[in-house]
Amino acid sequence: MQNNRKYRVRVRQLINICKDTARKIKKYNVDEFEIFTASSVDNEIEIFKSKIETLSFSDSIGIGIRIFKDKSVGYAYTTVLGDNSIEDCIKKAVSNSEITGKEEYNYLPVEEEYAHKRKLISDELLFRENLLDYRIEDKVAMAKKLEDLTRSKDKRITDIENVAYQDSIYETAILNSAGFCDNYKKTTCLIYVNAISKEGNDTSTGDYFGCGRSPDDIDLNHVASKAADRSVSILGGKKIKSDRVSLLLDPAVSAQFLSVIADGITADSVQKKKSVFEGKIGEKIFSADINIFDDGTLPEGLSSKPFDGEGVIKGRTCVFNKGYLKTYLYNTFTARKDKTLSTGNAVRASYRSTPEVGISNFYIEPSKDGFNELLGHMKDGFYVIDIIGMHSGVNHVSGQISVGAKGLWIKNSKPENPVKEVTIATDILNFCKSIEKVGSDFAFFPLSGYVGSPSLLVRDVTISGK
């Protein structure tokens, strides 16, 4: 967006592409069709030692076509939007529908299958016009300012590993032969910093981020302070003895554990027998009375939108109520397999892919207990500030989790010494059972969706040290 003010909203263009494509498809002998169009304009900036290391801009637009014929689905997409290219894309989708497998659940969603009936969020909440006021020079200056601010927070901050800024204007429209035709547009931006600190011969790193609909939503001073604190607080960290201990998880850590739970409650994972939550609807998974929601309509939620990747209305789904598993998250196809309703959780990476199942804004409901109250309740244990290797350290089929961790050892509810090179070993179900208290210091994090959590107090977890 080097010339942001030249950008023009493309929703009308996307709808016209859908309608023109629909007229072309009607010449073919198909049962149903869906046309998905999307446009994305993105900036990425990386700063190193106050100089621009990376500056990239992308502007993409494309169309994806799903053809339904005799219970088979064919898909094709193109980024070339001329008449001939779209005609070729239709032919490929039709041809693909003739060779893919048949499934009785392969047909378009209809309103009777929606769990949520009323559209609750609009472009006014999702799209910030003032993002267009920021020139590329303004964004570079913002990233450089964050680097300087972070460095200034503590004399032990010796370097900044990297600062990254990115923003996006995303627009989409969906039209299908069942009568659905709608669109939305949204803006997002994110800035990230990773600080390096040094004391004596010991070096530590700590990172943090800020995000919102536009740069106006980001408090650079807060991001800098958090990154610096997370870095210097671990200086001098040492291994501790292996034991079973209480853990107090920082929100940035508890959100990562929550993202593992989120992966396990998507209906696709359950139906493919890749989840420890298979067959556990109605069971009490958490000992504590924990409530967890997936809400695609939060005004501040960066994964909010009025409808999902196949046009199903989004809403607020209670996944866990007072610790009990109430539902999985569904798109239309997986909902039909379980003879239930779609929760509006069809996700698409872009026009290049068909709808899958994923989270939107997935979060634990906070309590009224502040961080110090959780600290006082724990008394002795390990305050985990950061974890390493969550993606590689989780077996979603068995539920086993093994991740590196660093933080502070707590004695009599006060920090005693920094801790490094510790491994946390547990499994998803035991982890859920072991959560004793939920804090009030709630924050969202961009983790394959938008995952929100406060601090969590977890009892009797195995840690491996020296």
Protein backbone atom coordinates (compact mmCIF):
# COMPACT_ATOMS: atom_id res chain seq x y z
CA MET A 1 0.00 0.00 0.00
CA GLN A 2 2.70 2.47 -0.94
CA ASN A 3 -0.05 4.74 -2.22
CA ASN A 4 -2.79 3.82 0.23
CA ARG A 5 -5.22 6.53 -0.74
CA LYS A 6 -5.33 5.14 -4.27
CA TYR A 7 -6.83 1.98 -2.87
CA ARG A 8 -10.52 1.58 -3.61
CA VAL A 9 -12.87 -0.86 -1.93
CA ARG A 10 -13.35 -3.84 -4.26
CA VAL A 11 -16.46 -5.48 -2.87
CA ARG A 12 -18.62 -4.34 -5.80
CA GLN A 13 -16.00 -5.67 -8.22
CA LEU A 14 -15.95 -9.03 -6.39
CA ILE A 15 -19.74 -9.31 -6.48
CA ASN A 16 -19.79 -8.52 -10.20
CA ILE A 17 -17.18 -11.23 -10.79
CA CYS A 18 -19.39 -13.68 -8.87
CA LYS A 19 -22.48 -12.78 -10.88
CA ASP A 20 -20.69 -12.94 -14.23
CA THR A 21 -19.20 -16.32 -13.29
CA ALA A 22 -22.60 -17.62 -12.18
CA ARG A 23 -24.04 -16.81 -15.61
CA LYS A 24 -21.24 -18.79 -17.23
CA ILE A 25 -21.70 -21.81 -14.95
CA LYS A 26 -25.41 -22.05 -15.75
CA LYS A 27 -24.47 -23.30 -19.23
CA TYR A 28 -23.12 -26.49 -17.66
CA ASN A 29 -25.03 -29.50 -16.41
CA VAL A 30 -24.28 -29.28 -12.68
CA ASP A 31 -26.43 -29.70 -9.59
CA GLU A 32 -25.11 -26.76 -7.54
CA PHE A 33 -22.22 -24.32 -7.49
CA GLU A 34 -20.42 -21.88 -5.21
CA ILE A 35 -18.23 -18.93 -6.21
CA PHE A 36 -15.74 -17.55 -3.69
CA THR A 37 -13.82 -14.38 -4.54
CA ALA A 38 -11.26 -12.64 -2.36
CA SER A 39 -8.86 -9.72 -2.51
CA SER A 40 -5.94 -9.09 -0.18
CA VAL A 41 -3.58 -6.12 -0.04
CA ASP A 42 -0.66 -6.69 2.35
CA ASN A 43 2.40 -4.86 3.66
CA GLU A 44 5.31 -6.48 5.50
CA ILE A 45 8.21 -4.59 7.04
CA GLU A 46 11.20 -5.89 9.01
CA ILE A 47 13.62 -3.59 10.81
CA PHE A 48 17.10 -4.53 12.03
CA LYS A 49 19.39 -2.02 13.76
CA SER A 50 17.17 0.88 12.67
CA LYS A 51 17.46 -0.08 9.00
CA ILE A 52 14.88 -1.64 6.69
CA GLU A 53 15.77 -5.28 6.19
CA THR A 54 12.58 -6.34 4.40
CA LEU A 55 9.92 -4.24 2.72
CA SER A 56 7.33 -6.14 0.74
CA PHE A 57 3.95 -5.35 -0.75
CA SER A 58 1.46 -7.76 -2.29
CA ASP A 59 -1.86 -7.26 -4.00
CA SER A 60 -3.74 -10.43 -4.88
CA ILE A 61 -7.21 -11.18 -6.15
CA GLY A 62 -8.68 -14.48 -7.21
CA ILE A 63 -11.70 -16.70 -7.57
CA GLY A 64 -12.41 -20.24 -6.40
CA ILE A 65 -15.25 -22.32 -7.87
CA ARG A 66 -16.89 -25.36 -6.25
CA ILE A 67 -19.05 -27.54 -8.47
CA PHE A 68 -21.47 -30.10 -6.99
CA LYS A 69 -22.52 -32.91 -9.31
CA ASP A 70 -24.02 -36.29 -8.35
CA LYS A 71 -22.74 -35.97 -4.72
CA SER A 72 -19.19 -35.23 -5.92
CA VAL A 73 -17.36 -31.93 -5.57
CA GLY A 74 -14.93 -30.37 -8.02
CA TYR A 75 -12.80 -27.35 -7.21
CA ALA A 76 -10.61 -25.01 -9.22
CA TYR A 77 -9.31 -21.47 -8.80
CA THR A 78 -7.63 -18.78 -10.86
CA THR A 79 -5.96 -15.44 -10.28
CA VAL A 80 -6.49 -14.38 -13.88
CA LEU A 81 -9.96 -12.88 -14.10
CA GLY A 82 -10.47 -12.51 -17.84
CA ASP A 83 -13.47 -14.24 -19.42
CA ASN A 84 -11.40 -17.01 -21.02
CA SER A 85 -9.50 -17.79 -17.80
CA ILE A 86 -12.70 -17.96 -15.74
CA GLU A 87 -14.30 -20.18 -18.40
CA ASP A 88 -11.29 -22.51 -18.21
CA CYS A 89 -11.54 -22.51 -14.39
CA ILE A 90 -15.21 -23.54 -14.58
CA LYS A 91 -14.40 -26.36 -16.98
CA LYS A 92 -11.66 -27.66 -14.66
CA ALA A 93 -13.97 -27.57 -11.64
CA VAL A 94 -16.69 -29.40 -13.60
CA SER A 95 -14.15 -31.95 -14.82
CA ASN A 96 -12.82 -32.46 -11.29
CA SER A 97 -16.35 -33.10 -10.02
CA GLU A 98 -16.59 -36.07 -12.38
CA ILE A 99 -13.60 -37.89 -10.89
CA THR A 100 -13.66 -37.12 -7.16
CA GLY A 101 -15.30 -39.41 -4.61
CA LYS A 102 -19.01 -39.28 -3.88
CA GLU A 103 -20.30 -38.34 -0.43
CA GLU A 104 -23.96 -38.11 0.54
CA TYR A 105 -23.18 -34.92 2.48
CA ASN A 106 -21.84 -33.03 -0.55
CA TYR A 107 -24.29 -30.22 -1.16
CA LEU A 108 -24.56 -26.52 -0.36
CA PRO A 109 -25.49 -25.28 3.13
CA VAL A 110 -29.06 -24.13 3.70
CA GLU A 111 -30.34 -21.83 6.45
CA GLU A 112 -32.03 -24.67 8.36
CA GLU A 113 -28.55 -26.06 9.04
CA TYR A 114 -27.19 -22.89 10.69
CA ALA A 115 -26.68 -23.00 14.47
CA HIS A 116 -26.70 -19.18 14.46
CA LYS A 117 -29.59 -17.49 12.68
CA ARG A 118 -28.91 -13.74 12.69
CA LYS A 119 -25.95 -11.82 11.30
CA LEU A 120 -24.43 -9.91 14.23
CA ILE A 121 -21.37 -8.06 12.91
CA SER A 122 -20.88 -5.63 10.05
CA ASP A 123 -18.11 -3.94 8.07
CA GLU A 124 -18.35 -0.87 10.29
CA LEU A 125 -16.76 -2.89 13.10
CA LEU A 126 -14.30 -4.82 10.93
CA PHE A 127 -12.91 -2.17 8.56
CA ARG A 128 -10.91 0.88 9.62
CA GLU A 129 -10.71 3.57 6.97
CA ASN A 130 -7.88 5.28 8.87
CA LEU A 131 -5.48 2.46 7.96
CA LEU A 132 -5.38 4.13 4.55
CA ASP A 133 -4.06 7.33 6.14
CA TYR A 134 -0.78 5.63 7.02
CA ARG A 135 1.90 5.93 4.36
CA ILE A 136 4.59 3.28 4.10
CA GLU A 137 7.01 5.80 5.61
CA ASP A 138 4.72 6.09 8.66
CA LYS A 139 4.74 2.34 9.15
CA VAL A 140 8.52 2.13 8.88
CA ALA A 141 8.80 4.96 11.43
CA MET A 142 6.43 3.09 13.74
CA ALA A 143 8.59 -0.05 13.59
CA LYS A 144 11.77 1.95 14.22
CA LYS A 145 10.13 3.69 17.17
CA LEU A 146 9.23 0.33 18.71
CA GLU A 147 12.84 -0.79 18.35
CA ASP A 148 14.07 2.37 20.13
CA LEU A 149 11.42 2.16 22.84
CA THR A 150 12.22 -1.45 23.62
CA ARG A 151 15.92 -0.77 23.83
CA SER A 152 15.28 2.13 26.22
CA LYS A 153 13.24 0.11 28.72
CA ASP A 154 16.20 -1.47 30.50
CA LYS A 155 19.96 -0.96 30.32
CA ARG A 156 20.37 -4.72 30.09
CA ILE A 157 18.62 -4.74 26.69
CA THR A 158 21.68 -4.98 24.45
CA ASP A 159 20.10 -5.61 21.09
CA ILE A 160 16.84 -6.12 19.23
CA GLU A 161 16.72 -9.36 17.27
CA ASN A 162 14.01 -8.09 14.97
CA VAL A 163 10.99 -5.85 14.63
CA ALA A 164 8.25 -6.86 12.22
CA TYR A 165 5.17 -4.95 11.08
CA GLN A 166 2.40 -6.22 8.82
CA ASP A 167 -1.06 -5.08 7.81
CA SER A 168 -3.79 -6.28 5.51
CA ILE A 169 -6.95 -5.14 3.77
CA TYR A 170 -9.03 -8.23 3.05
CA GLU A 171 -12.29 -8.37 1.12
CA THR A 172 -14.39 -11.33 0.09
CA ALA A 173 -17.70 -12.18 -1.57
CA ILE A 174 -19.53 -15.49 -1.86
CA LEU A 175 -22.36 -16.37 -4.23
CA ASN A 176 -23.96 -19.78 -4.57
CA SER A 177 -26.79 -21.38 -6.50
CA ALA A 178 -28.87 -21.80 -3.32
CA GLY A 179 -29.45 -18.05 -3.28
CA PHE A 180 -26.68 -16.86 -0.97
CA CYS A 181 -24.85 -13.67 -1.99
CA ASP A 182 -22.97 -11.57 0.56
CA ASN A 183 -19.64 -9.90 1.24
CA TYR A 184 -17.52 -8.22 3.89
CA LYS A 185 -14.24 -6.33 4.23
CA LYS A 186 -11.82 -6.09 7.14
CA THR A 187 -8.50 -4.54 8.12
CA THR A 188 -5.84 -5.92 10.46
CA CYS A 189 -2.36 -4.89 11.52
CA LEU A 190 0.27 -6.39 13.82
CA ILE A 191 3.66 -5.34 15.14
CA TYR A 192 6.19 -7.60 16.88
CA VAL A 193 9.53 -7.15 18.67
CA ASN A 194 12.06 -9.59 20.09
CA ALA A 195 14.48 -8.13 22.64
CA ILE A 196 17.92 -9.51 23.59
CA SER A 197 19.24 -8.78 27.08
CA LYS A 198 22.57 -9.55 28.68
CA GLU A 199 23.94 -9.62 32.22
CA GLY A 200 27.40 -10.99 32.86
CA ASN A 201 27.82 -14.03 30.63
CA ASP A 202 24.09 -14.77 30.43
CA THR A 203 21.89 -13.81 27.50
CA SER A 204 18.10 -13.94 27.30
CA THR A 205 15.38 -13.09 24.80
CA GLY A 206 11.81 -11.95 25.20
CA ASP A 207 9.20 -11.01 22.64
CA TYR A 208 5.77 -9.44 22.46
CA PHE A 209 3.36 -7.98 19.94
CA GLY A 210 0.47 -5.59 19.46
CA CYS A 211 -2.39 -5.91 17.02
CA GLY A 212 -5.65 -4.28 15.99
CA ARG A 213 -7.69 -3.00 13.07
CA SER A 214 -5.25 -0.14 12.41
CA PRO A 215 -2.03 1.27 13.87
CA ASP A 216 -4.17 3.56 16.03
CA ASP A 217 -5.14 0.51 18.11
CA ILE A 218 -1.55 -0.36 19.05
CA ASP A 219 0.20 0.92 22.18
CA LEU A 220 3.89 0.78 21.27
CA ASN A 221 4.99 1.61 24.80
CA HIS A 222 3.05 -1.38 26.17
CA VAL A 223 4.52 -3.73 23.54
CA ALA A 224 8.05 -2.49 24.27
CA SER A 225 7.61 -2.84 28.05
CA LYS A 226 6.25 -6.38 27.80
CA ALA A 227 9.03 -7.54 25.47
CA ALA A 228 11.72 -6.00 27.66
CA ASP A 229 10.26 -7.45 30.87
CA ARG A 230 9.95 -10.91 29.32
CA SER A 231 13.60 -10.74 28.28
CA VAL A 232 15.33 -9.37 31.41
CA SER A 233 13.25 -11.31 33.93
CA ILE A 234 14.87 -14.58 32.81
CA LEU A 235 18.48 -13.36 33.08
CA GLY A 236 20.52 -15.59 35.34
CA GLY A 237 18.06 -18.44 34.92
CA LYS A 238 19.19 -21.91 35.95
CA LYS A 239 17.86 -25.43 35.77
CA ILE A 240 15.81 -26.78 38.65
CA LYS A 241 15.32 -30.33 39.88
CA SER A 242 12.81 -32.57 38.17
CA ASP A 243 9.61 -32.74 40.18
CA ARG A 244 5.83 -32.49 40.11
CA VAL A 245 4.96 -28.86 40.79
CA SER A 246 2.30 -26.19 40.47
CA LEU A 247 2.47 -24.00 37.37
CA LEU A 248 1.25 -20.44 36.97
CA LEU A 249 0.97 -19.84 33.23
CA ASP A 250 1.35 -16.36 31.80
CA PRO A 251 -1.51 -15.49 29.39
CA ALA A 252 0.91 -15.78 26.43
CA VAL A 253 1.63 -19.35 27.54
CA SER A 254 -1.88 -20.42 28.55
CA ALA A 255 -3.15 -19.23 25.15
CA GLN A 256 -0.75 -21.64 23.45
CA PHE A 257 -2.04 -24.53 25.55
CA LEU A 258 -5.58 -23.42 24.71
CA SER A 259 -4.74 -23.52 21.01
CA VAL A 260 -3.85 -27.21 21.44
CA ILE A 261 -7.30 -27.80 22.98
CA ALA A 262 -8.85 -25.87 20.09
CA ASP A 263 -7.22 -28.18 17.55
CA GLY A 264 -8.80 -31.15 19.30
CA ILE A 265 -12.39 -29.91 19.31
CA THR A 266 -12.74 -29.28 15.57
CA ALA A 267 -15.17 -31.86 14.21
CA ASP A 268 -12.83 -32.81 11.37
CA SER A 269 -10.12 -33.88 13.84
CA VAL A 270 -12.64 -35.81 15.90
CA GLN A 271 -14.22 -37.60 12.92
CA LYS A 272 -10.77 -38.60 11.66
CA LYS A 273 -9.96 -40.01 15.12
CA LYS A 274 -7.13 -37.53 15.62
CA SER A 275 -8.45 -36.03 18.84
CA VAL A 276 -8.47 -37.05 22.50
CA PHE A 277 -11.92 -35.42 22.76
CA GLU A 278 -13.56 -38.04 20.54
CA GLY A 279 -16.73 -39.41 22.18
CA LYS A 280 -16.53 -37.03 25.13
CA ILE A 281 -19.50 -34.75 24.49
CA GLY A 282 -21.32 -34.30 27.83
CA GLU A 283 -18.28 -35.27 29.92
CA LYS A 284 -16.65 -32.98 32.48
CA ILE A 285 -13.22 -32.36 30.98
CA PHE A 286 -12.07 -29.63 33.39
CA SER A 287 -12.26 -30.10 37.16
CA ALA A 288 -12.84 -26.37 37.55
CA ASP A 289 -16.05 -24.79 36.24
CA ILE A 290 -14.38 -23.36 33.15
CA ASN A 291 -16.28 -21.78 30.26
CA ILE A 292 -14.71 -21.69 26.79
CA PHE A 293 -16.28 -20.02 23.76
CA ASP A 294 -15.67 -19.65 20.06
CA ASP A 295 -17.14 -16.30 19.08
CA GLY A 296 -16.89 -15.08 15.49
CA THR A 297 -18.75 -11.85 16.25
CA LEU A 298 -16.58 -10.10 18.87
CA PRO A 299 -16.16 -6.47 17.72
CA GLU A 300 -12.51 -6.49 18.82
CA GLY A 301 -11.85 -10.03 17.59
CA LEU A 302 -9.44 -10.12 14.67
CA SER A 303 -11.01 -13.37 13.45
CA SER A 304 -14.55 -11.96 13.51
CA LYS A 305 -16.64 -11.87 10.34
CA PRO A 306 -20.37 -11.99 9.54
CA PHE A 307 -20.26 -15.42 7.87
CA ASP A 308 -17.79 -18.24 7.48
CA GLY A 309 -15.93 -19.61 4.46
CA GLU A 310 -19.04 -21.18 2.96
CA GLY A 311 -21.56 -18.46 3.82
CA VAL A 312 -22.88 -19.83 7.13
CA ILE A 313 -23.67 -17.14 9.72
CA LYS A 314 -21.18 -16.89 12.56
CA GLY A 315 -22.06 -16.50 16.23
CA ARG A 316 -21.02 -17.32 19.79
CA THR A 317 -20.64 -21.05 20.46
CA CYS A 318 -20.20 -22.32 24.00
CA VAL A 319 -17.74 -25.22 23.64
CA PHE A 320 -17.17 -25.92 27.34
CA ASN A 321 -19.74 -24.96 29.97
CA LYS A 322 -18.72 -25.25 33.65
CA GLY A 323 -16.03 -27.68 32.53
CA TYR A 324 -18.33 -29.91 30.44
CA LEU A 325 -17.70 -30.42 26.72
CA LYS A 326 -20.90 -29.26 25.02
CA THR A 327 -20.07 -29.37 21.30
CA TYR A 328 -17.38 -29.65 18.69
CA LEU A 329 -16.87 -26.92 16.08
CA TYR A 330 -18.43 -27.68 12.71
CA ASN A 331 -18.58 -26.66 9.09
CA THR A 332 -21.55 -27.90 7.07
CA PHE A 333 -20.02 -31.16 5.86
CA THR A 334 -18.84 -32.33 9.30
CA ALA A 335 -22.13 -31.22 10.90
CA ARG A 336 -24.11 -33.43 8.52
CA LYS A 337 -21.92 -36.40 9.40
CA ASP A 338 -22.78 -35.89 13.08
CA LYS A 339 -26.43 -35.03 12.32
CA THR A 340 -26.15 -31.61 13.90
CA LEU A 341 -25.95 -27.93 12.88
CA SER A 342 -23.00 -26.00 11.50
CA THR A 343 -21.47 -23.67 14.09
CA GLY A 344 -20.16 -21.41 11.30
CA ASN A 345 -16.58 -22.62 11.59
CA ALA A 346 -15.71 -23.20 7.95
CA VAL A 347 -12.35 -21.55 7.31
CA ARG A 348 -10.47 -20.95 4.08
CA ALA A 349 -6.85 -19.89 3.82
CA SER A 350 -7.72 -18.11 0.56
CA TYR A 351 -9.51 -18.62 -2.75
CA ARG A 352 -6.97 -21.38 -3.36
CA SER A 353 -8.60 -23.77 -0.88
CA THR A 354 -11.94 -25.35 -0.06
CA PRO A 355 -13.64 -24.89 3.35
CA GLU A 356 -12.13 -26.75 6.30
CA VAL A 357 -12.93 -26.53 10.03
CA GLY A 358 -11.16 -24.04 12.29
CA ILE A 359 -11.58 -21.63 15.17
CA SER A 360 -12.40 -17.93 15.04
CA ASN A 361 -12.00 -16.03 18.36
CA PHE A 362 -11.50 -18.90 20.79
CA TYR A 363 -11.16 -17.99 24.46
CA ILE A 364 -11.44 -18.95 28.13
CA GLU A 365 -13.85 -16.77 30.09
CA PRO A 366 -11.80 -14.86 32.70
CA SER A 367 -12.60 -14.76 36.40
CA LYS A 368 -12.36 -11.87 38.88
CA ASP A 369 -9.14 -13.18 40.44
CA GLY A 370 -6.15 -10.98 39.67
CA PHE A 371 -2.66 -12.28 38.97
CA ASN A 372 -1.48 -11.58 42.52
CA GLU A 373 -4.38 -13.58 43.91
CA LEU A 374 -3.35 -16.57 41.78
CA LEU A 375 0.26 -16.08 42.86
CA GLY A 376 -0.79 -15.99 46.51
CA HIS A 377 -2.91 -19.09 46.09
CA MET A 378 -0.06 -21.02 44.44
CA LYS A 379 2.51 -20.15 47.18
CA ASP A 380 5.31 -22.32 45.73
CA GLY A 381 5.76 -23.28 42.10
CA PHE A 382 6.93 -22.33 38.61
CA TYR A 383 5.67 -19.14 36.96
CA VAL A 384 5.98 -19.94 33.24
CA ILE A 385 6.69 -16.85 31.15
CA ASP A 386 7.51 -18.55 27.85
CA ILE A 387 7.47 -21.97 26.24
CA ILE A 388 9.42 -23.38 23.31
CA GLY A 389 8.39 -26.03 20.79
CA MET A 390 4.63 -26.19 21.26
CA HIS A 391 3.99 -27.14 17.63
CA SER A 392 6.57 -29.93 17.53
CA GLY A 393 5.96 -31.01 21.13
CA VAL A 394 2.32 -32.07 20.84
CA ASN A 395 0.91 -35.40 19.68
CA HIS A 396 -2.74 -34.63 18.96
CA VAL A 397 -3.72 -38.30 18.66
CA SER A 398 -2.30 -39.43 22.02
CA GLY A 399 -2.59 -36.02 23.65
CA GLN A 400 1.01 -36.04 24.91
CA ILE A 401 2.67 -32.64 25.39
CA SER A 402 6.38 -32.00 25.93
CA VAL A 403 7.62 -28.42 25.68
CA GLY A 404 10.55 -26.36 26.86
CA ALA A 405 9.83 -23.62 29.38
CA LYS A 406 11.41 -20.66 31.15
CA GLY A 407 10.20 -18.34 33.87
CA LEU A 408 10.54 -17.70 37.59
CA TRP A 409 10.57 -20.01 40.58
CA ILE A 410 8.05 -18.79 43.17
CA LYS A 411 8.63 -19.29 46.90
CA ASN A 412 6.05 -18.12 49.46
CA SER A 413 4.19 -16.32 46.66
CA LYS A 414 7.24 -14.23 45.70
CA PRO A 415 9.78 -14.62 42.85
CA GLU A 416 12.89 -16.42 44.14
CA ASN A 417 15.05 -16.98 41.06
CA PRO A 418 14.84 -17.17 37.23
CA VAL A 419 14.48 -20.62 35.67
CA LYS A 420 15.62 -21.87 32.24
CA GLU A 421 15.99 -25.16 30.38
CA VAL A 422 12.98 -26.88 31.90
CA THR A 423 10.68 -29.32 30.12
CA ILE A 424 6.97 -29.51 30.92
CA ALA A 425 5.54 -32.99 30.34
CA THR A 426 1.80 -33.64 30.49
CA ASP A 427 -1.10 -34.63 28.28
CA ILE A 428 -4.10 -32.65 27.13
CA LEU A 429 -6.74 -34.33 29.30
CA ASN A 430 -4.65 -34.31 32.47
CA PHE A 431 -3.71 -30.71 31.82
CA CYS A 432 -7.40 -29.79 31.62
CA LYS A 433 -8.17 -31.67 34.84
CA SER A 434 -5.28 -29.97 36.62
CA ILE A 435 -6.38 -26.37 36.01
CA GLU A 436 -7.41 -25.09 39.43
CA LYS A 437 -7.92 -21.35 38.92
CA VAL A 438 -8.45 -18.90 36.07
CA GLY A 439 -7.21 -15.32 36.32
CA SER A 440 -8.60 -11.98 35.19
CA ASP A 441 -5.56 -10.71 33.20
CA PHE A 442 -7.11 -11.64 29.88
CA ALA A 443 -5.40 -11.14 26.51
CA PHE A 444 -5.84 -12.37 22.91
CA PHE A 445 -3.01 -13.79 20.79
CA PRO A 446 -2.84 -14.56 17.04
CA LEU A 447 -2.45 -18.36 17.03
CA SER A 448 -4.05 -20.04 13.97
CA GLY A 449 -7.10 -17.95 14.71
CA TYR A 450 -7.37 -15.54 17.62
CA VAL A 451 -6.91 -17.25 20.99
CA GLY A 452 -7.64 -15.53 24.30
CA SER A 453 -6.75 -16.52 27.84
CA PRO A 454 -5.89 -15.10 31.26
CA SER A 455 -3.26 -16.62 33.54
CA LEU A 456 -3.98 -20.19 34.63
CA LEU A 457 -2.99 -21.95 37.85
CA VAL A 458 -2.28 -25.63 37.11
CA ARG A 459 -1.52 -28.14 39.85
CA ASP A 460 0.71 -31.24 39.96
CA VAL A 461 2.47 -31.12 36.58
CA THR A 462 5.72 -32.94 35.82
CA ILE A 463 8.75 -30.81 34.99
CA SER A 464 12.15 -32.14 33.98
CA GLY A 465 15.26 -30.19 34.83
CA LYS A 466 18.53 -31.43 36.24
